[in-house]
Amino acid sequence: METLIIVPAKNEERTIEKVVKDLQKERWNHIVVVDDNSEDNTALLARLNGAEVISLPISLGAWGAIQTGMRYALKKGYEIVVTIDADDQHEALYIKELVKEVEQNKTDIVIGAYPDRAHWTKKGLWYILKWISGLNISDITSGFRAYGLNAIKTLLDNHGLILEYQDVGVLLICKKKKLKIKEIPAKMQNRRYGNSRIFSSYWAIFRYTIITIFYAGINRW
């Protein structure tokens, strides 16, 4: 099955070159970097290092960037997409395991999970989100995922369009559609530069928590 690597990126010029090169070292050469209206050289460096680049005219957030990549994948005939962060936390060497699970076991979503990466604040948030959503996922906010064709099509329908974040809402939609979701271990590195957009401040965490809890509460059943 043809696989496309989608890298949503915003102001990641310090890491995007390494991310693309690490993917290429693992022989993943079908790479699209979706530049979420960066204000630096993210798009230029990605393109110079051999990645396809889609530059968004306005910032859509990580999930909007991923959906853009998924539409591109469908248009080009890819059957699997893998989402990997542009901040160099996710390791390309684990991608083959995610893809193998989709190909061999017909899993619709495979999550690269590394629960040990979370500090106490994030673990507390995970506990709340899992309790409210009913999702039995150990690393509920991991963006390191492989999606099969059924999941891609499901997440590009009207329900997927209203989401603001890429984690809990995505999993709830797929669970309601009875798609198969699985986690496999995948070690991750600490972010070397900048801050996560979700966990960048107490306000950002509060906003994410309220929106996600509300969505999880009304969509669990």
Protein backbone atom coordinates (compact mmCIF):
# COMPACT_ATOMS: atom_id res chain seq x y z
CA MET A 1 0.00 0.00 0.00
CA GLU A 2 1.28 3.47 -0.89
CA THR A 3 2.03 5.51 2.23
CA LEU A 4 2.24 9.29 2.57
CA ILE A 5 3.94 10.96 5.54
CA ILE A 6 2.11 14.14 6.60
CA VAL A 7 4.07 16.66 8.65
CA PRO A 8 1.93 19.57 9.93
CA ALA A 9 4.32 22.42 10.70
CA LYS A 10 4.18 25.95 12.03
CA ASN A 11 7.38 27.92 12.71
CA GLU A 12 9.56 24.82 12.95
CA GLU A 13 12.57 25.99 10.92
CA ARG A 14 14.99 24.73 13.59
CA THR A 15 13.83 21.12 13.29
CA ILE A 16 12.05 20.58 9.97
CA GLU A 17 15.23 19.81 8.04
CA LYS A 18 16.21 17.04 10.46
CA VAL A 19 12.68 15.62 10.49
CA VAL A 20 12.62 15.35 6.68
CA LYS A 21 16.12 13.87 6.51
CA ASP A 22 15.35 11.31 9.22
CA LEU A 23 12.29 10.21 7.26
CA GLN A 24 14.37 9.85 4.12
CA LYS A 25 17.00 7.81 5.97
CA GLU A 26 14.24 5.33 6.83
CA ARG A 27 13.27 5.29 3.13
CA TRP A 28 10.08 7.28 3.51
CA ASN A 29 10.33 9.53 0.48
CA HIS A 30 6.67 10.41 -0.02
CA ILE A 31 6.53 13.34 2.39
CA VAL A 32 4.23 16.35 2.41
CA VAL A 33 4.89 19.18 4.83
CA VAL A 34 1.73 21.20 5.39
CA ASP A 35 2.99 24.64 6.35
CA ASP A 36 0.39 26.18 8.65
CA ASN A 37 1.07 29.80 7.66
CA SER A 38 4.53 29.88 9.27
CA GLU A 39 6.33 33.17 9.79
CA ASP A 40 9.80 31.66 9.33
CA ASN A 41 11.62 29.48 6.77
CA THR A 42 9.83 26.21 7.56
CA ALA A 43 8.37 25.82 4.06
CA LEU A 44 11.59 26.79 2.28
CA LEU A 45 13.76 24.37 4.25
CA ALA A 46 11.28 21.52 3.82
CA ARG A 47 11.19 22.08 0.06
CA LEU A 48 14.98 22.36 -0.23
CA ASN A 49 15.32 19.00 1.50
CA GLY A 50 13.03 17.20 -0.91
CA ALA A 51 9.61 17.30 0.72
CA GLU A 52 6.44 18.30 -1.07
CA VAL A 53 5.11 21.47 0.58
CA ILE A 54 1.56 22.76 0.84
CA SER A 55 1.52 26.30 2.22
CA LEU A 56 -1.74 27.39 3.85
CA PRO A 57 -2.75 31.06 3.36
CA ILE A 58 -4.14 31.18 6.91
CA SER A 59 -3.39 29.15 10.01
CA LEU A 60 -5.79 26.22 10.41
CA GLY A 61 -4.09 24.57 13.38
CA ALA A 62 -2.55 21.10 13.44
CA TRP A 63 -5.80 19.26 12.68
CA GLY A 64 -6.67 21.55 9.78
CA ALA A 65 -3.18 21.03 8.38
CA ILE A 66 -3.52 17.26 8.74
CA GLN A 67 -6.88 17.28 6.96
CA THR A 68 -5.28 19.23 4.13
CA GLY A 69 -2.63 16.52 3.90
CA MET A 70 -5.30 13.81 3.93
CA ARG A 71 -7.16 15.44 1.04
CA TYR A 72 -3.89 15.57 -0.87
CA ALA A 73 -3.34 11.87 -0.09
CA LEU A 74 -6.76 10.88 -1.46
CA LYS A 75 -6.23 12.95 -4.58
CA LYS A 76 -2.89 11.27 -5.23
CA GLY A 77 -4.15 7.74 -4.51
CA TYR A 78 -2.40 6.98 -1.21
CA GLU A 79 -4.00 4.31 0.97
CA ILE A 80 -2.19 5.02 4.24
CA VAL A 81 -1.07 8.27 5.83
CA VAL A 82 1.21 8.70 8.80
CA THR A 83 1.16 11.92 10.81
CA ILE A 84 4.40 12.95 12.47
CA ASP A 85 5.18 16.16 14.34
CA ALA A 86 7.62 18.70 12.91
CA ASP A 87 9.31 19.34 16.27
CA ASP A 88 11.49 16.19 16.12
CA GLN A 89 9.78 14.41 19.02
CA HIS A 90 8.62 11.44 16.96
CA GLU A 91 11.16 8.94 15.64
CA ALA A 92 10.91 7.85 12.01
CA LEU A 93 12.23 4.36 12.74
CA TYR A 94 8.87 3.41 14.32
CA ILE A 95 6.81 4.27 11.25
CA LYS A 96 7.27 0.86 9.64
CA GLU A 97 5.62 -0.75 12.68
CA LEU A 98 2.62 1.57 12.47
CA VAL A 99 2.23 0.94 8.74
CA LYS A 100 2.66 -2.83 9.14
CA GLU A 101 -0.23 -2.90 11.63
CA VAL A 102 -2.50 -1.16 9.11
CA GLU A 103 -1.42 -3.39 6.23
CA GLN A 104 -1.33 -6.79 7.91
CA ASN A 105 -4.03 -6.52 10.58
CA LYS A 106 -6.36 -4.10 8.80
CA THR A 107 -6.25 -1.68 11.71
CA ASP A 108 -7.84 1.67 10.84
CA ILE A 109 -5.85 3.86 13.24
CA VAL A 110 -2.53 2.90 14.83
CA ILE A 111 -1.19 5.18 17.55
CA GLY A 112 2.48 5.43 18.41
CA ALA A 113 2.21 5.57 22.20
CA TYR A 114 4.75 6.70 24.78
CA PRO A 115 2.89 7.44 28.04
CA ASP A 116 6.14 7.96 29.96
CA ARG A 117 6.68 11.26 28.15
CA ALA A 118 3.92 12.96 30.12
CA HIS A 119 4.53 15.10 33.20
CA TRP A 120 2.01 15.16 36.04
CA THR A 121 -0.12 17.95 34.51
CA LYS A 122 -0.58 16.10 31.26
CA LYS A 123 -1.21 12.78 33.00
CA GLY A 124 -3.94 14.40 35.05
CA LEU A 125 -5.52 15.80 31.91
CA TRP A 126 -5.29 12.40 30.20
CA TYR A 127 -7.10 10.78 33.13
CA ILE A 128 -9.95 13.29 32.90
CA LEU A 129 -10.25 12.94 29.12
CA LYS A 130 -10.23 9.14 29.23
CA TRP A 131 -12.86 9.11 31.98
CA ILE A 132 -15.21 11.46 30.14
CA SER A 133 -14.67 10.05 26.65
CA GLY A 134 -14.64 6.38 27.59
CA LEU A 135 -11.58 5.86 25.40
CA ASN A 136 -9.22 3.19 26.68
CA ILE A 137 -6.10 4.74 25.15
CA SER A 138 -2.94 5.10 27.22
CA ASP A 139 -1.45 7.97 25.16
CA ILE A 140 -4.62 9.78 24.22
CA THR A 141 -2.99 12.94 22.82
CA SER A 142 -0.26 11.34 20.69
CA GLY A 143 -0.14 12.84 17.21
CA PHE A 144 2.09 10.04 15.93
CA ARG A 145 -0.47 7.96 14.06
CA ALA A 146 -1.08 5.87 10.97
CA TYR A 147 -4.48 6.06 9.28
CA GLY A 148 -5.89 3.54 6.82
CA LEU A 149 -8.15 4.51 3.93
CA ASN A 150 -11.42 4.00 5.86
CA ALA A 151 -10.21 6.29 8.64
CA ILE A 152 -9.04 8.95 6.19
CA LYS A 153 -12.42 9.05 4.43
CA THR A 154 -14.28 9.05 7.75
CA LEU A 155 -12.27 11.98 9.10
CA LEU A 156 -12.82 14.08 6.00
CA ASP A 157 -16.61 14.03 6.31
CA ASN A 158 -18.66 16.74 7.99
CA HIS A 159 -18.05 15.45 11.53
CA GLY A 160 -14.28 15.66 11.12
CA LEU A 161 -14.47 19.17 9.73
CA ILE A 162 -15.82 20.68 12.95
CA LEU A 163 -12.96 19.47 15.12
CA GLU A 164 -10.37 21.94 16.35
CA TYR A 165 -7.90 19.44 17.80
CA GLN A 166 -6.53 16.21 16.36
CA ASP A 167 -6.64 13.77 19.26
CA VAL A 168 -9.73 12.88 21.35
CA GLY A 169 -12.33 14.05 18.84
CA VAL A 170 -10.71 12.08 16.04
CA LEU A 171 -10.70 8.90 18.14
CA LEU A 172 -14.33 9.37 19.21
CA ILE A 173 -15.49 9.78 15.62
CA CYS A 174 -13.70 6.62 14.57
CA LYS A 175 -14.94 4.69 17.60
CA LYS A 176 -18.55 5.62 16.80
CA LYS A 177 -17.98 4.42 13.23
CA LYS A 178 -16.68 1.14 14.71
CA LEU A 179 -13.23 1.53 13.19
CA LYS A 180 -10.39 -0.49 14.65
CA ILE A 181 -7.98 1.51 16.85
CA LYS A 182 -4.75 0.15 18.32
CA GLU A 183 -1.68 1.46 20.15
CA ILE A 184 1.87 0.23 19.76
CA PRO A 185 4.92 1.41 21.73
CA ALA A 186 6.99 4.20 20.17
CA LYS A 187 9.57 6.11 22.17
CA MET A 188 9.62 9.88 21.74
CA GLN A 189 12.15 12.62 22.37
CA ASN A 190 11.57 15.75 24.40
CA ARG A 191 10.82 18.84 22.39
CA ARG A 192 14.11 20.70 21.92
CA TYR A 193 12.80 24.11 20.86
CA GLY A 194 9.73 26.19 21.60
CA ASN A 195 6.52 25.02 23.23
CA SER A 196 3.60 22.82 22.30
CA ARG A 197 0.73 24.94 20.98
CA ILE A 198 -1.70 23.08 23.23
CA PHE A 199 0.44 23.10 26.37
CA SER A 200 2.21 26.44 25.80
CA SER A 201 0.43 28.25 28.65
CA TYR A 202 -2.18 27.70 31.36
CA TRP A 203 -4.72 29.53 29.19
CA ALA A 204 -3.98 27.25 26.21
CA ILE A 205 -4.32 24.16 28.44
CA PHE A 206 -7.57 25.48 29.92
CA ARG A 207 -9.04 26.26 26.49
CA TYR A 208 -8.04 22.87 25.11
CA THR A 209 -9.44 21.10 28.17
CA ILE A 210 -12.82 22.85 28.08
CA ILE A 211 -13.32 22.36 24.33
CA THR A 212 -12.21 18.72 24.42
CA ILE A 213 -14.26 17.81 27.51
CA PHE A 214 -17.35 19.41 25.97
CA TYR A 215 -16.89 17.55 22.70
CA ALA A 216 -16.10 14.26 24.45
CA GLY A 217 -19.12 14.60 26.72
CA ILE A 218 -21.66 15.15 23.95
CA ASN A 219 -20.15 12.62 21.54
CA ARG A 220 -19.33 9.66 23.76
CA TRP A 221 -22.55 7.89 22.80
